[in-house]
C-alpha cells in the first residue's frame, strides 16, 4: 500500500498504484491536497513494485492532474512539475504581484 505524505505532515494512506494512478476505496478531497504537494513524499510499505517506476521518494513540486471516481474506486493522478516550469511560474507570479502592488500595468 502506498502513502502520500503532504508538506503539512498529513497523510493519504491505503492507496494502490496502477497505470500511474493512485486508487483509494475512500473519497479523496482535492481541497485537502492542493497547495500541500511541495514537497510530497510517496512511500510504499510493501517495497518497490513493478509499477513503481520511480514514484516513491520525495518530490519537490507536484500537481494534481485529476481526481475522479473510476472502476468503483477513487483515482488520484499526480505529476511532477519540472524545475524550469516551476521557476518560470514563480517568477511570473512575483512580477504580477509586484505590478499589482505598485499599480504598474503590464
N, C-alpha and C. Protein backbone atom coordinates (compact mmCIF):
# COMPACT_ATOMS: atom_id res chain seq x y z
N UNK A 1 0.84 -1.19 0.00
CA UNK A 1 0.00 0.00 0.00
C UNK A 1 0.88 1.25 0.00
N UNK A 2 0.43 2.24 -0.72
CA UNK A 2 1.17 3.49 -0.84
C UNK A 2 0.62 4.52 0.13
N UNK A 3 1.51 5.42 0.55
CA UNK A 3 1.15 6.54 1.40
C UNK A 3 1.75 7.80 0.80
N UNK A 4 0.96 8.86 0.73
CA UNK A 4 1.45 10.16 0.30
C UNK A 4 1.47 11.05 1.53
N UNK A 5 2.66 11.55 1.88
CA UNK A 5 2.81 12.47 3.00
C UNK A 5 2.93 13.87 2.44
N UNK A 6 1.99 14.73 2.83
CA UNK A 6 1.96 16.10 2.33
C UNK A 6 2.89 16.99 3.15
N UNK A 7 3.13 18.21 2.66
CA UNK A 7 4.11 19.09 3.33
C UNK A 7 3.66 19.55 4.71
N UNK A 8 2.40 19.39 5.06
CA UNK A 8 1.95 19.75 6.41
C UNK A 8 1.97 18.55 7.36
N UNK A 9 2.48 17.41 6.87
CA UNK A 9 2.57 16.21 7.69
C UNK A 9 1.35 15.30 7.60
N UNK A 10 0.27 15.77 7.00
CA UNK A 10 -0.90 14.90 6.86
C UNK A 10 -0.61 13.83 5.81
N UNK A 11 -1.37 12.74 5.90
CA UNK A 11 -1.10 11.59 5.04
C UNK A 11 -2.37 11.11 4.35
N UNK A 12 -2.18 10.60 3.15
CA UNK A 12 -3.23 9.89 2.44
C UNK A 12 -2.72 8.45 2.39
N UNK A 13 -3.42 7.57 3.08
CA UNK A 13 -2.92 6.20 3.25
C UNK A 13 -3.83 5.18 2.59
N UNK A 14 -3.31 3.97 2.45
CA UNK A 14 -4.09 2.86 1.94
C UNK A 14 -4.32 2.93 0.44
N UNK A 15 -3.38 3.50 -0.29
CA UNK A 15 -3.52 3.66 -1.73
C UNK A 15 -2.88 2.50 -2.48
N UNK A 16 -3.47 2.12 -3.58
CA UNK A 16 -2.82 1.21 -4.51
C UNK A 16 -2.39 2.05 -5.71
N UNK A 17 -1.50 1.53 -6.52
CA UNK A 17 -0.94 2.30 -7.64
C UNK A 17 -0.91 1.43 -8.89
N UNK A 18 -1.65 1.87 -9.91
CA UNK A 18 -1.67 1.18 -11.20
C UNK A 18 -1.83 2.22 -12.31
N UNK A 19 -1.15 1.99 -13.42
CA UNK A 19 -1.28 2.85 -14.61
C UNK A 19 -1.07 4.33 -14.27
N UNK A 20 -0.11 4.62 -13.38
CA UNK A 20 0.22 5.98 -12.95
C UNK A 20 -0.91 6.68 -12.22
N UNK A 21 -1.79 5.91 -11.62
CA UNK A 21 -2.90 6.46 -10.86
C UNK A 21 -2.91 5.80 -9.48
N UNK A 22 -3.10 6.61 -8.45
CA UNK A 22 -3.30 6.10 -7.10
C UNK A 22 -4.79 5.85 -6.93
N UNK A 23 -5.14 4.69 -6.35
CA UNK A 23 -6.54 4.35 -6.13
C UNK A 23 -6.80 4.22 -4.63
N UNK A 24 -7.98 4.70 -4.23
CA UNK A 24 -8.41 4.62 -2.84
C UNK A 24 -9.84 4.10 -2.80
N UNK A 25 -10.17 3.36 -1.75
CA UNK A 25 -11.55 2.93 -1.55
C UNK A 25 -12.41 4.07 -1.02
N UNK A 26 -11.76 5.09 -0.46
CA UNK A 26 -12.46 6.22 0.14
C UNK A 26 -12.36 7.45 -0.76
N UNK A 27 -13.33 8.34 -0.70
CA UNK A 27 -13.26 9.58 -1.49
C UNK A 27 -11.99 10.37 -1.15
N UNK A 28 -11.42 11.02 -2.16
CA UNK A 28 -10.23 11.85 -2.00
C UNK A 28 -10.65 13.31 -2.17
N UNK A 29 -10.37 14.13 -1.17
CA UNK A 29 -10.76 15.54 -1.18
C UNK A 29 -9.60 16.39 -1.72
N UNK A 30 -9.74 16.89 -2.93
CA UNK A 30 -8.70 17.70 -3.55
C UNK A 30 -8.37 18.96 -2.78
N UNK A 31 -9.37 19.53 -2.10
CA UNK A 31 -9.14 20.75 -1.33
C UNK A 31 -8.14 20.52 -0.19
N UNK A 32 -8.10 19.29 0.33
CA UNK A 32 -7.17 18.98 1.42
C UNK A 32 -5.76 18.70 0.91
N UNK A 33 -5.61 18.54 -0.41
CA UNK A 33 -4.31 18.22 -1.00
C UNK A 33 -3.68 19.45 -1.67
N UNK A 34 -4.48 20.25 -2.34
CA UNK A 34 -3.96 21.40 -3.11
C UNK A 34 -3.12 22.31 -2.22
N UNK A 35 -1.98 22.71 -2.76
CA UNK A 35 -1.08 23.59 -2.04
C UNK A 35 -0.19 22.87 -1.04
N UNK A 36 -0.31 21.55 -0.97
CA UNK A 36 0.47 20.80 0.01
C UNK A 36 1.37 19.75 -0.66
N UNK A 37 1.64 19.94 -1.94
CA UNK A 37 2.42 18.97 -2.69
C UNK A 37 3.83 19.45 -2.99
N UNK A 38 4.31 20.41 -2.22
CA UNK A 38 5.68 20.92 -2.43
C UNK A 38 6.37 21.06 -1.08
N UNK A 39 7.09 20.09 -0.63
CA UNK A 39 7.31 18.77 -1.22
C UNK A 39 6.26 17.77 -0.77
N UNK A 40 6.26 16.62 -1.44
CA UNK A 40 5.41 15.49 -1.08
C UNK A 40 6.27 14.24 -1.11
N UNK A 41 6.03 13.35 -0.16
CA UNK A 41 6.79 12.10 -0.10
C UNK A 41 5.83 10.94 -0.32
N UNK A 42 6.22 10.07 -1.24
CA UNK A 42 5.42 8.90 -1.56
C UNK A 42 6.19 7.66 -1.13
N UNK A 43 5.54 6.83 -0.33
CA UNK A 43 6.20 5.61 0.14
C UNK A 43 5.29 4.41 -0.12
N UNK A 44 5.93 3.26 -0.18
CA UNK A 44 5.22 2.00 -0.39
C UNK A 44 5.66 1.04 0.70
N UNK A 45 4.76 0.68 1.60
CA UNK A 45 5.14 -0.17 2.72
C UNK A 45 5.41 -1.62 2.30
N UNK A 46 5.12 -1.95 1.06
CA UNK A 46 5.38 -3.30 0.55
C UNK A 46 6.68 -3.36 -0.24
N UNK A 47 7.44 -2.27 -0.29
CA UNK A 47 8.66 -2.24 -1.08
C UNK A 47 8.37 -1.86 -2.52
N UNK A 48 9.39 -1.86 -3.33
CA UNK A 48 9.25 -1.46 -4.72
C UNK A 48 8.41 -2.48 -5.49
N UNK A 49 7.49 -1.98 -6.31
CA UNK A 49 6.65 -2.86 -7.11
C UNK A 49 7.01 -2.70 -8.58
N UNK A 50 6.45 -3.56 -9.41
CA UNK A 50 6.72 -3.48 -10.85
C UNK A 50 6.14 -2.22 -11.47
N UNK A 51 5.15 -1.61 -10.83
CA UNK A 51 4.52 -0.39 -11.35
C UNK A 51 5.17 0.88 -10.83
N UNK A 52 6.07 0.75 -9.88
CA UNK A 52 6.64 1.89 -9.16
C UNK A 52 7.26 2.92 -10.11
N UNK A 53 8.21 2.54 -10.90
CA UNK A 53 8.85 3.40 -11.89
C UNK A 53 9.27 4.77 -11.34
N UNK A 54 9.89 4.75 -10.16
CA UNK A 54 10.43 5.99 -9.59
C UNK A 54 9.44 6.86 -8.86
N UNK A 55 8.23 6.38 -8.64
CA UNK A 55 7.23 7.22 -7.98
C UNK A 55 7.50 7.38 -6.49
N UNK A 56 8.13 6.39 -5.84
CA UNK A 56 8.41 6.53 -4.42
C UNK A 56 9.57 7.48 -4.21
N UNK A 57 9.54 8.15 -3.07
CA UNK A 57 10.57 9.12 -2.72
C UNK A 57 9.96 10.50 -2.52
N UNK A 58 10.83 11.48 -2.37
CA UNK A 58 10.37 12.86 -2.15
C UNK A 58 10.36 13.60 -3.47
N UNK A 59 9.24 14.27 -3.73
CA UNK A 59 9.06 15.05 -4.95
C UNK A 59 9.00 16.52 -4.56
N UNK A 60 9.83 17.34 -5.19
CA UNK A 60 9.93 18.76 -4.83
C UNK A 60 8.63 19.52 -5.08
N UNK A 61 8.07 19.34 -6.26
CA UNK A 61 6.85 20.07 -6.63
C UNK A 61 5.96 19.16 -7.46
N UNK A 62 4.76 18.95 -6.99
CA UNK A 62 3.80 18.12 -7.71
C UNK A 62 2.50 18.89 -7.88
N UNK A 63 1.70 18.40 -8.84
CA UNK A 63 0.38 18.97 -9.05
C UNK A 63 -0.63 17.84 -9.24
N UNK A 64 -1.88 18.15 -8.98
CA UNK A 64 -2.96 17.19 -9.19
C UNK A 64 -3.37 17.27 -10.64
N UNK A 65 -3.33 16.14 -11.34
CA UNK A 65 -3.84 16.09 -12.71
C UNK A 65 -5.35 15.93 -12.69
N UNK A 66 -5.82 14.99 -11.88
CA UNK A 66 -7.25 14.82 -11.69
C UNK A 66 -7.54 13.93 -10.50
N UNK A 67 -8.77 14.07 -10.02
CA UNK A 67 -9.33 13.18 -9.00
C UNK A 67 -10.71 12.81 -9.53
N UNK A 68 -10.95 11.50 -9.68
CA UNK A 68 -12.27 11.10 -10.16
C UNK A 68 -12.59 9.67 -9.74
N UNK A 69 -13.87 9.38 -9.77
CA UNK A 69 -14.29 8.02 -9.45
C UNK A 69 -14.04 7.16 -10.68
N UNK A 70 -13.37 6.02 -10.45
CA UNK A 70 -13.03 5.12 -11.55
C UNK A 70 -13.13 3.68 -11.08
N UNK A 71 -13.79 2.87 -11.86
CA UNK A 71 -13.83 1.44 -11.59
C UNK A 71 -14.26 1.13 -10.15
N UNK A 72 -15.20 1.88 -9.62
CA UNK A 72 -15.70 1.66 -8.28
C UNK A 72 -14.78 2.16 -7.18
N UNK A 73 -13.69 2.81 -7.55
CA UNK A 73 -12.75 3.38 -6.58
C UNK A 73 -12.54 4.84 -6.94
N UNK A 74 -11.72 5.50 -6.14
CA UNK A 74 -11.41 6.91 -6.39
C UNK A 74 -9.97 7.00 -6.87
N UNK A 75 -9.78 7.62 -8.04
CA UNK A 75 -8.46 7.72 -8.64
C UNK A 75 -7.86 9.10 -8.45
N UNK A 76 -6.56 9.12 -8.16
CA UNK A 76 -5.80 10.36 -7.99
C UNK A 76 -4.57 10.27 -8.87
N UNK A 77 -4.46 11.19 -9.82
CA UNK A 77 -3.28 11.23 -10.68
C UNK A 77 -2.48 12.48 -10.34
N UNK A 78 -1.19 12.29 -10.07
CA UNK A 78 -0.28 13.38 -9.74
C UNK A 78 0.82 13.45 -10.79
N UNK A 79 1.41 14.62 -10.94
CA UNK A 79 2.54 14.78 -11.85
C UNK A 79 3.57 15.70 -11.23
N UNK A 80 4.83 15.40 -11.49
CA UNK A 80 5.91 16.28 -11.07
C UNK A 80 5.91 17.52 -11.95
N UNK A 81 6.21 18.67 -11.35
CA UNK A 81 6.38 19.90 -12.10
C UNK A 81 7.88 20.09 -12.29
N UNK A 82 8.35 20.13 -13.55
CA UNK A 82 9.79 20.32 -13.78
C UNK A 82 10.30 21.61 -13.15
N UNK A 83 11.54 21.59 -12.69
CA UNK A 83 12.13 22.75 -12.02
C UNK A 83 12.03 24.02 -12.87
N UNK A 84 12.27 23.91 -14.16
CA UNK A 84 12.25 25.08 -15.03
C UNK A 84 10.86 25.70 -15.11
N UNK A 85 9.86 24.86 -15.24
CA UNK A 85 8.49 25.37 -15.33
C UNK A 85 8.07 25.98 -14.00
N UNK A 86 8.43 25.35 -12.90
CA UNK A 86 8.11 25.89 -11.58
C UNK A 86 8.78 27.24 -11.39
N UNK A 87 10.06 27.35 -11.75
CA UNK A 87 10.79 28.61 -11.59
C UNK A 87 10.17 29.71 -12.45
N UNK A 88 9.79 29.38 -13.68
CA UNK A 88 9.16 30.37 -14.56
C UNK A 88 7.82 30.84 -14.00
N UNK A 89 7.00 29.91 -13.52
CA UNK A 89 5.70 30.26 -12.97
C UNK A 89 5.84 31.12 -11.72
N UNK A 90 6.81 30.77 -10.88
CA UNK A 90 7.04 31.56 -9.66
C UNK A 90 7.51 32.97 -10.00
N UNK A 91 8.43 33.09 -10.97
CA UNK A 91 8.90 34.41 -11.40
C UNK A 91 7.74 35.24 -11.94
N UNK A 92 6.92 34.65 -12.81
CA UNK A 92 5.79 35.38 -13.40
C UNK A 92 4.80 35.83 -12.33
N UNK A 93 4.54 34.97 -11.35
CA UNK A 93 3.63 35.33 -10.26
C UNK A 93 4.20 36.47 -9.42
N UNK A 94 5.50 36.44 -9.17
CA UNK A 94 6.14 37.51 -8.40
C UNK A 94 6.07 38.84 -9.15
N UNK A 95 6.32 38.82 -10.45
CA UNK A 95 6.24 40.04 -11.26
C UNK A 95 4.81 40.59 -11.26
N UNK A 96 3.82 39.71 -11.44
CA UNK A 96 2.43 40.15 -11.43
C UNK A 96 2.04 40.74 -10.08
N UNK A 97 2.52 40.14 -9.00
CA UNK A 97 2.22 40.65 -7.66
C UNK A 97 2.84 42.04 -7.45
N UNK A 98 4.09 42.20 -7.83
CA UNK A 98 4.76 43.50 -7.68
C UNK A 98 4.05 44.56 -8.52
N UNK A 99 3.66 44.19 -9.73
CA UNK A 99 2.95 45.14 -10.60
C UNK A 99 1.62 45.54 -9.97
N UNK A 100 0.90 44.57 -9.42
CA UNK A 100 -0.39 44.87 -8.79
C UNK A 100 -0.20 45.78 -7.57
N UNK A 101 0.79 45.49 -6.75
CA UNK A 101 1.00 46.27 -5.54
C UNK A 101 1.50 47.69 -5.83
N UNK A 102 2.18 47.89 -6.94
CA UNK A 102 2.70 49.22 -7.27
C UNK A 102 1.83 49.97 -8.26
N UNK A 103 0.77 49.31 -8.77
CA UNK A 103 -0.12 49.96 -9.69
C UNK A 103 0.42 50.05 -11.12
N UNK A 104 1.44 49.28 -11.42
CA UNK A 104 2.02 49.27 -12.76
C UNK A 104 1.23 48.30 -13.62
N UNK A 105 0.89 48.75 -14.84
CA UNK A 105 0.16 47.87 -15.74
C UNK A 105 1.16 47.14 -16.64
N UNK A 106 1.05 45.83 -16.68
CA UNK A 106 1.96 45.06 -17.55
C UNK A 106 1.20 44.33 -18.62
